[in-house]
Amino acid sequence: MTNEEDMVDSLQYREPIGKSHHVVLDWTCNCYGYKSQSKSTKFFYDRGDFEAMTNCFKSIDWAYVLSEKSVDVM
């Protein structure tokens, strides 16, 4: 499960679940933490003015704008 000895800690054998003859293993995994230094862009979609966008898109003659264009170009 791991490539280093110290990554698994406090391994314990527990009772089987139900009538199974398999034991339950319980352990703690010591993982590496990595914090990215780069800043990511976050979009706040709940703050958008969707009514204004809807009104803007309704005012466009889509049949004219998209006429005689392939699907890829559209």
PDB file of N, CA and C in Angstrom:
ATOM      1  N   MET A   1       0.794  -1.193   0.000  1.00  0.00           N
ATOM      2  CA  MET A   1       0.000   0.000   0.000  1.00  0.00           C
ATOM      3  C   MET A   1       0.842   1.264   0.000  1.00  0.00           C
ATOM      4  N   THR A   2       2.055   1.164   0.425  1.00  0.00           N
ATOM      5  CA  THR A   2       2.893   2.352   0.541  1.00  0.00           C
ATOM      6  C   THR A   2       4.322   2.001   0.176  1.00  0.00           C
ATOM      7  N   ASN A   3       5.126   2.994  -0.104  1.00  0.00           N
ATOM      8  CA  ASN A   3       6.523   2.747  -0.443  1.00  0.00           C
ATOM      9  C   ASN A   3       7.461   3.146   0.701  1.00  0.00           C
ATOM     10  N   GLU A   4       6.898   3.546   1.851  1.00  0.00           N
ATOM     11  CA  GLU A   4       7.710   3.920   3.009  1.00  0.00           C
ATOM     12  C   GLU A   4       7.137   3.290   4.277  1.00  0.00           C
ATOM     13  N   GLU A   5       8.007   2.846   5.152  1.00  0.00           N
ATOM     14  CA  GLU A   5       7.580   2.172   6.383  1.00  0.00           C
ATOM     15  C   GLU A   5       6.764   3.076   7.308  1.00  0.00           C
ATOM     16  N   ASP A   6       7.152   4.316   7.452  1.00  0.00           N
ATOM     17  CA  ASP A   6       6.533   5.190   8.447  1.00  0.00           C
ATOM     18  C   ASP A   6       5.209   5.809   7.993  1.00  0.00           C
ATOM     19  N   MET A   7       4.733   5.457   6.817  1.00  0.00           N
ATOM     20  CA  MET A   7       3.474   6.039   6.360  1.00  0.00           C
ATOM     21  C   MET A   7       2.264   5.401   7.028  1.00  0.00           C
ATOM     22  N   VAL A   8       2.365   4.146   7.456  1.00  0.00           N
ATOM     23  CA  VAL A   8       1.270   3.459   8.143  1.00  0.00           C
ATOM     24  C   VAL A   8       1.610   3.398   9.619  1.00  0.00           C
ATOM     25  N   ASP A   9       0.651   3.850  10.433  1.00  0.00           N
ATOM     26  CA  ASP A   9       0.884   3.924  11.871  1.00  0.00           C
ATOM     27  C   ASP A   9      -0.301   3.282  12.597  1.00  0.00           C
ATOM     28  N   SER A  10      -0.068   2.741  13.740  1.00  0.00           N
ATOM     29  CA  SER A  10      -1.064   2.156  14.647  1.00  0.00           C
ATOM     30  C   SER A  10      -2.014   1.189  13.943  1.00  0.00           C
ATOM     31  N   LEU A  11      -1.444   0.160  13.328  1.00  0.00           N
ATOM     32  CA  LEU A  11      -2.224  -0.871  12.662  1.00  0.00           C
ATOM     33  C   LEU A  11      -2.876  -1.767  13.710  1.00  0.00           C
ATOM     34  N   GLN A  12      -4.185  -1.980  13.589  1.00  0.00           N
ATOM     35  CA  GLN A  12      -4.915  -2.818  14.543  1.00  0.00           C
ATOM     36  C   GLN A  12      -5.817  -3.781  13.779  1.00  0.00           C
ATOM     37  N   TYR A  13      -5.945  -4.993  14.329  1.00  0.00           N
ATOM     38  CA  TYR A  13      -6.862  -5.986  13.793  1.00  0.00           C
ATOM     39  C   TYR A  13      -8.153  -5.890  14.589  1.00  0.00           C
ATOM     40  N   ARG A  14      -9.267  -5.712  13.910  1.00  0.00           N
ATOM     41  CA  ARG A  14     -10.569  -5.588  14.558  1.00  0.00           C
ATOM     42  C   ARG A  14     -11.400  -6.847  14.290  1.00  0.00           C
ATOM     43  N   GLU A  15     -12.525  -6.934  14.983  1.00  0.00           N
ATOM     44  CA  GLU A  15     -13.415  -8.078  14.809  1.00  0.00           C
ATOM     45  C   GLU A  15     -14.018  -8.067  13.404  1.00  0.00           C
ATOM     46  N   PRO A  16     -14.337  -9.258  12.886  1.00  0.00           N
ATOM     47  CA  PRO A  16     -14.984  -9.333  11.573  1.00  0.00           C
ATOM     48  C   PRO A  16     -16.370  -8.695  11.595  1.00  0.00           C
ATOM     49  N   ILE A  17     -16.807  -8.258  10.444  1.00  0.00           N
ATOM     50  CA  ILE A  17     -18.150  -7.709  10.308  1.00  0.00           C
ATOM     51  C   ILE A  17     -19.112  -8.857  10.036  1.00  0.00           C
ATOM     52  N   GLY A  18     -20.162  -8.942  10.808  1.00  0.00           N
ATOM     53  CA  GLY A  18     -21.163  -9.999  10.639  1.00  0.00           C
ATOM     54  C   GLY A  18     -20.564 -11.364  10.888  1.00  0.00           C
ATOM     55  N   LYS A  19     -20.853 -12.316   9.997  1.00  0.00           N
ATOM     56  CA  LYS A  19     -20.366 -13.699  10.154  1.00  0.00           C
ATOM     57  C   LYS A  19     -19.142 -13.974   9.287  1.00  0.00           C
ATOM     58  N   SER A  20     -18.509 -12.934   8.804  1.00  0.00           N
ATOM     59  CA  SER A  20     -17.345 -13.086   7.942  1.00  0.00           C
ATOM     60  C   SER A  20     -16.153 -13.587   8.744  1.00  0.00           C
ATOM     61  N   HIS A  21     -15.277 -14.344   8.113  1.00  0.00           N
ATOM     62  CA  HIS A  21     -14.039 -14.789   8.760  1.00  0.00           C
ATOM     63  C   HIS A  21     -12.877 -13.847   8.472  1.00  0.00           C
ATOM     64  N   HIS A  22     -13.137 -12.773   7.703  1.00  0.00           N
ATOM     65  CA  HIS A  22     -12.103 -11.787   7.405  1.00  0.00           C
ATOM     66  C   HIS A  22     -12.066 -10.739   8.521  1.00  0.00           C
ATOM     67  N   VAL A  23     -10.855 -10.397   8.978  1.00  0.00           N
ATOM     68  CA  VAL A  23     -10.737  -9.369   9.999  1.00  0.00           C
ATOM     69  C   VAL A  23     -10.785  -7.988   9.358  1.00  0.00           C
ATOM     70  N   VAL A  24     -11.117  -6.989  10.148  1.00  0.00           N
ATOM     71  CA  VAL A  24     -11.123  -5.608   9.697  1.00  0.00           C
ATOM     72  C   VAL A  24      -9.816  -4.976  10.136  1.00  0.00           C
ATOM     73  N   LEU A  25      -9.130  -4.326   9.206  1.00  0.00           N
ATOM     74  CA  LEU A  25      -7.886  -3.638   9.536  1.00  0.00           C
ATOM     75  C   LEU A  25      -8.178  -2.158   9.756  1.00  0.00           C
ATOM     76  N   ASP A  26      -7.577  -1.617  10.799  1.00  0.00           N
ATOM     77  CA  ASP A  26      -7.754  -0.211  11.138  1.00  0.00           C
ATOM     78  C   ASP A  26      -6.360   0.379  11.301  1.00  0.00           C
ATOM     79  N   TRP A  27      -6.082   1.464  10.565  1.00  0.00           N
ATOM     80  CA  TRP A  27      -4.761   2.065  10.659  1.00  0.00           C
ATOM     81  C   TRP A  27      -4.830   3.554  10.403  1.00  0.00           C
ATOM     82  N   THR A  28      -3.755   4.234  10.713  1.00  0.00           N
ATOM     83  CA  THR A  28      -3.604   5.655  10.429  1.00  0.00           C
ATOM     84  C   THR A  28      -2.558   5.795   9.339  1.00  0.00           C
ATOM     85  N   CYS A  29      -2.877   6.587   8.342  1.00  0.00           N
ATOM     86  CA  CYS A  29      -1.951   6.812   7.240  1.00  0.00           C
ATOM     87  C   CYS A  29      -1.372   8.220   7.372  1.00  0.00           C
ATOM     88  N   ASN A  30      -0.065   8.312   7.457  1.00  0.00           N
ATOM     89  CA  ASN A  30       0.623   9.600   7.536  1.00  0.00           C
ATOM     90  C   ASN A  30       0.975  10.032   6.120  1.00  0.00           C
ATOM     91  N   CYS A  31       0.225  10.977   5.605  1.00  0.00           N
ATOM     92  CA  CYS A  31       0.401  11.420   4.216  1.00  0.00           C
ATOM     93  C   CYS A  31       1.180  12.721   4.165  1.00  0.00           C
ATOM     94  N   TYR A  32       1.738  12.952   3.000  1.00  0.00           N
ATOM     95  CA  TYR A  32       2.439  14.203   2.770  1.00  0.00           C
ATOM     96  C   TYR A  32       1.428  15.290   2.445  1.00  0.00           C
ATOM     97  N   GLY A  33       1.661  16.456   2.944  1.00  0.00           N
ATOM     98  CA  GLY A  33       0.819  17.592   2.601  1.00  0.00           C
ATOM     99  C   GLY A  33       1.550  18.485   1.628  1.00  0.00           C
ATOM    100  N   TYR A  34       0.809  19.040   0.694  1.00  0.00           N
ATOM    101  CA  TYR A  34       1.387  19.938  -0.288  1.00  0.00           C
ATOM    102  C   TYR A  34       0.429  21.090  -0.479  1.00  0.00           C
ATOM    103  N   LYS A  35       0.914  22.272  -0.302  1.00  0.00           N
ATOM    104  CA  LYS A  35       0.095  23.451  -0.507  1.00  0.00           C
ATOM    105  C   LYS A  35       0.620  24.190  -1.725  1.00  0.00           C
ATOM    106  N   SER A  36      -0.268  24.372  -2.664  1.00  0.00           N
ATOM    107  CA  SER A  36       0.106  25.037  -3.901  1.00  0.00           C
ATOM    108  C   SER A  36       0.327  26.523  -3.650  1.00  0.00           C
ATOM    109  N   GLN A  37       1.350  27.062  -4.252  1.00  0.00           N
ATOM    110  CA  GLN A  37       1.653  28.474  -4.104  1.00  0.00           C
ATOM    111  C   GLN A  37       0.930  29.325  -5.143  1.00  0.00           C
ATOM    112  N   SER A  38       0.374  28.669  -6.168  1.00  0.00           N
ATOM    113  CA  SER A  38      -0.280  29.443  -7.220  1.00  0.00           C
ATOM    114  C   SER A  38      -1.683  29.833  -6.790  1.00  0.00           C
ATOM    115  N   LYS A  39      -2.109  30.967  -7.283  1.00  0.00           N
ATOM    116  CA  LYS A  39      -3.464  31.432  -6.992  1.00  0.00           C
ATOM    117  C   LYS A  39      -4.366  30.965  -8.117  1.00  0.00           C
ATOM    118  N   SER A  40      -5.512  30.432  -7.742  1.00  0.00           N
ATOM    119  CA  SER A  40      -6.460  29.991  -8.750  1.00  0.00           C
ATOM    120  C   SER A  40      -7.610  30.980  -8.842  1.00  0.00           C
ATOM    121  N   THR A  41      -8.185  31.038 -10.016  1.00  0.00           N
ATOM    122  CA  THR A  41      -9.312  31.932 -10.251  1.00  0.00           C
ATOM    123  C   THR A  41     -10.581  31.257  -9.752  1.00  0.00           C
ATOM    124  N   LYS A  42     -11.371  31.978  -8.993  1.00  0.00           N
ATOM    125  CA  LYS A  42     -12.639  31.456  -8.511  1.00  0.00           C
ATOM    126  C   LYS A  42     -13.752  32.315  -9.078  1.00  0.00           C
ATOM    127  N   PHE A  43     -14.753  31.658  -9.611  1.00  0.00           N
ATOM    128  CA  PHE A  43     -15.888  32.350 -10.182  1.00  0.00           C
ATOM    129  C   PHE A  43     -17.060  32.269  -9.202  1.00  0.00           C
ATOM    130  N   PHE A  44     -17.696  33.373  -8.947  1.00  0.00           N
ATOM    131  CA  PHE A  44     -18.831  33.430  -8.045  1.00  0.00           C
ATOM    132  C   PHE A  44     -20.103  33.509  -8.887  1.00  0.00           C
ATOM    133  N   TYR A  45     -20.557  32.350  -9.330  1.00  0.00           N
ATOM    134  CA  TYR A  45     -21.713  32.295 -10.214  1.00  0.00           C
ATOM    135  C   TYR A  45     -22.989  32.771  -9.531  1.00  0.00           C
ATOM    136  N   ASP A  46     -23.059  32.657  -8.228  1.00  0.00           N
ATOM    137  CA  ASP A  46     -24.262  33.093  -7.523  1.00  0.00           C
ATOM    138  C   ASP A  46     -24.396  34.610  -7.496  1.00  0.00           C
ATOM    139  N   ARG A  47     -23.357  35.330  -7.867  1.00  0.00           N
ATOM    140  CA  ARG A  47     -23.400  36.794  -7.866  1.00  0.00           C
ATOM    141  C   ARG A  47     -23.632  37.386  -9.261  1.00  0.00           C
ATOM    142  N   GLY A  48     -23.882  36.521 -10.243  1.00  0.00           N
ATOM    143  CA  GLY A  48     -24.077  36.996 -11.602  1.00  0.00           C
ATOM    144  C   GLY A  48     -25.431  37.667 -11.783  1.00  0.00           C
ATOM    145  N   ASP A  49     -25.489  38.589 -12.709  1.00  0.00           N
ATOM    146  CA  ASP A  49     -26.743  39.273 -13.033  1.00  0.00           C
ATOM    147  C   ASP A  49     -27.396  38.507 -14.180  1.00  0.00           C
ATOM    148  N   PHE A  50     -28.047  37.397 -13.819  1.00  0.00           N
ATOM    149  CA  PHE A  50     -28.589  36.500 -14.819  1.00  0.00           C
ATOM    150  C   PHE A  50     -29.773  37.103 -15.558  1.00  0.00           C
ATOM    151  N   GLU A  51     -30.512  37.969 -14.929  1.00  0.00           N
ATOM    152  CA  GLU A  51     -31.640  38.626 -15.602  1.00  0.00           C
ATOM    153  C   GLU A  51     -31.130  39.530 -16.721  1.00  0.00           C
ATOM    154  N   ALA A  52     -30.069  40.269 -16.463  1.00  0.00           N
ATOM    155  CA  ALA A  52     -29.493  41.141 -17.493  1.00  0.00           C
ATOM    156  C   ALA A  52     -28.904  40.313 -18.635  1.00  0.00           C
ATOM    157  N   MET A  53     -28.264  39.188 -18.298  1.00  0.00           N
ATOM    158  CA  MET A  53     -27.713  38.333 -19.351  1.00  0.00           C
ATOM    159  C   MET A  53     -28.828  37.746 -20.209  1.00  0.00           C
ATOM    160  N   THR A  54     -29.911  37.307 -19.569  1.00  0.00           N
ATOM    161  CA  THR A  54     -31.045  36.760 -20.317  1.00  0.00           C
ATOM    162  C   THR A  54     -31.619  37.803 -21.253  1.00  0.00           C
ATOM    163  N   ASN A  55     -31.801  39.014 -20.760  1.00  0.00           N
ATOM    164  CA  ASN A  55     -32.326  40.093 -21.605  1.00  0.00           C
ATOM    165  C   ASN A  55     -31.392  40.402 -22.767  1.00  0.00           C
ATOM    166  N   CYS A  56     -30.096  40.372 -22.514  1.00  0.00           N
ATOM    167  CA  CYS A  56     -29.104  40.627 -23.571  1.00  0.00           C
ATOM    168  C   CYS A  56     -29.194  39.550 -24.646  1.00  0.00           C
ATOM    169  N   PHE A  57     -29.263  38.282 -24.245  1.00  0.00           N
ATOM    170  CA  PHE A  57     -29.299  37.192 -25.212  1.00  0.00           C
ATOM    171  C   PHE A  57     -30.626  37.150 -25.968  1.00  0.00           C
ATOM    172  N   LYS A  58     -31.718  37.597 -25.332  1.00  0.00           N
ATOM    173  CA  LYS A  58     -33.008  37.646 -26.014  1.00  0.00           C
ATOM    174  C   LYS A  58     -33.026  38.685 -27.127  1.00  0.00           C
ATOM    175  N   SER A  59     -32.222  39.712 -27.003  1.00  0.00           N
ATOM    176  CA  SER A  59     -32.223  40.789 -27.995  1.00  0.00           C
ATOM    177  C   SER A  59     -31.433  40.435 -29.260  1.00  0.00           C
ATOM    178  N   ILE A  60     -30.748  39.324 -29.265  1.00  0.00           N
ATOM    179  CA  ILE A  60     -29.927  38.932 -30.420  1.00  0.00           C
ATOM    180  C   ILE A  60     -30.761  38.057 -31.357  1.00  0.00           C
ATOM    181  N   ASP A  61     -30.674  38.319 -32.643  1.00  0.00           N
ATOM    182  CA  ASP A  61     -31.345  37.501 -33.653  1.00  0.00           C
ATOM    183  C   ASP A  61     -30.432  36.308 -33.963  1.00  0.00           C
ATOM    184  N   TRP A  62     -30.594  35.241 -33.203  1.00  0.00           N
ATOM    185  CA  TRP A  62     -29.693  34.092 -33.299  1.00  0.00           C
ATOM    186  C   TRP A  62     -29.791  33.397 -34.651  1.00  0.00           C
ATOM    187  N   ALA A  63     -30.965  33.356 -35.236  1.00  0.00           N
ATOM    188  CA  ALA A  63     -31.117  32.717 -36.555  1.00  0.00           C
ATOM    189  C   ALA A  63     -30.245  33.421 -37.587  1.00  0.00           C
ATOM    190  N   TYR A  64     -30.193  34.741 -37.530  1.00  0.00           N
ATOM    191  CA  TYR A  64     -29.359  35.511 -38.463  1.00  0.00           C
ATOM    192  C   TYR A  64     -27.871  35.347 -38.141  1.00  0.00           C
ATOM    193  N   VAL A  65     -27.532  35.470 -36.861  1.00  0.00           N
ATOM    194  CA  VAL A  65     -26.122  35.402 -36.458  1.00  0.00           C
ATOM    195  C   VAL A  65     -25.514  34.039 -36.780  1.00  0.00           C
ATOM    196  N   LEU A  66     -26.295  32.962 -36.607  1.00  0.00           N
ATOM    197  CA  LEU A  66     -25.750  31.619 -36.788  1.00  0.00           C
ATOM    198  C   LEU A  66     -26.049  31.008 -38.148  1.00  0.00           C
ATOM    199  N   SER A  67     -26.726  31.752 -39.003  1.00  0.00           N
ATOM    200  CA  SER A  67     -27.074  31.195 -40.321  1.00  0.00           C
ATOM    201  C   SER A  67     -25.824  30.954 -41.169  1.00  0.00           C
ATOM    202  N   GLU A  68     -25.889  29.897 -41.942  1.00  0.00           N
ATOM    203  CA  GLU A  68     -24.834  29.515 -42.882  1.00  0.00           C
ATOM    204  C   GLU A  68     -23.489  29.299 -42.201  1.00  0.00           C
ATOM    205  N   LYS A  69     -23.513  28.860 -40.970  1.00  0.00           N
ATOM    206  CA  LYS A  69     -22.265  28.524 -40.265  1.00  0.00           C
ATOM    207  C   LYS A  69     -22.294  27.057 -39.887  1.00  0.00           C
ATOM    208  N   SER A  70     -21.121  26.432 -39.903  1.00  0.00           N
ATOM    209  CA  SER A  70     -21.047  25.030 -39.486  1.00  0.00           C
ATOM    210  C   SER A  70     -21.168  24.944 -37.962  1.00  0.00           C
ATOM    211  N   VAL A  71     -21.401  23.761 -37.487  1.00  0.00           N
ATOM    212  CA  VAL A  71     -21.520  23.540 -36.055  1.00  0.00           C
ATOM    213  C   VAL A  71     -20.239  23.956 -35.335  1.00  0.00           C
ATOM    214  N   ASP A  72     -19.090  23.655 -35.931  1.00  0.00           N
ATOM    215  CA  ASP A  72     -17.810  24.002 -35.300  1.00  0.00           C
ATOM    216  C   ASP A  72     -17.638  25.513 -35.200  1.00  0.00           C
ATOM    217  N   VAL A  73     -18.047  26.234 -36.204  1.00  0.00           N
ATOM    218  CA  VAL A  73     -17.900  27.690 -36.189  1.00  0.00           C
ATOM    219  C   VAL A  73     -18.875  28.312 -35.199  1.00  0.00           C
ATOM    220  N   MET A  74     -20.102  27.758 -35.152  1.00  0.00           N
ATOM    221  CA  MET A  74     -21.086  28.293 -34.202  1.00  0.00           C
ATOM    222  C   MET A  74     -20.598  28.174 -32.793  1.00  0.00           C
TER     223      MET A  74
END
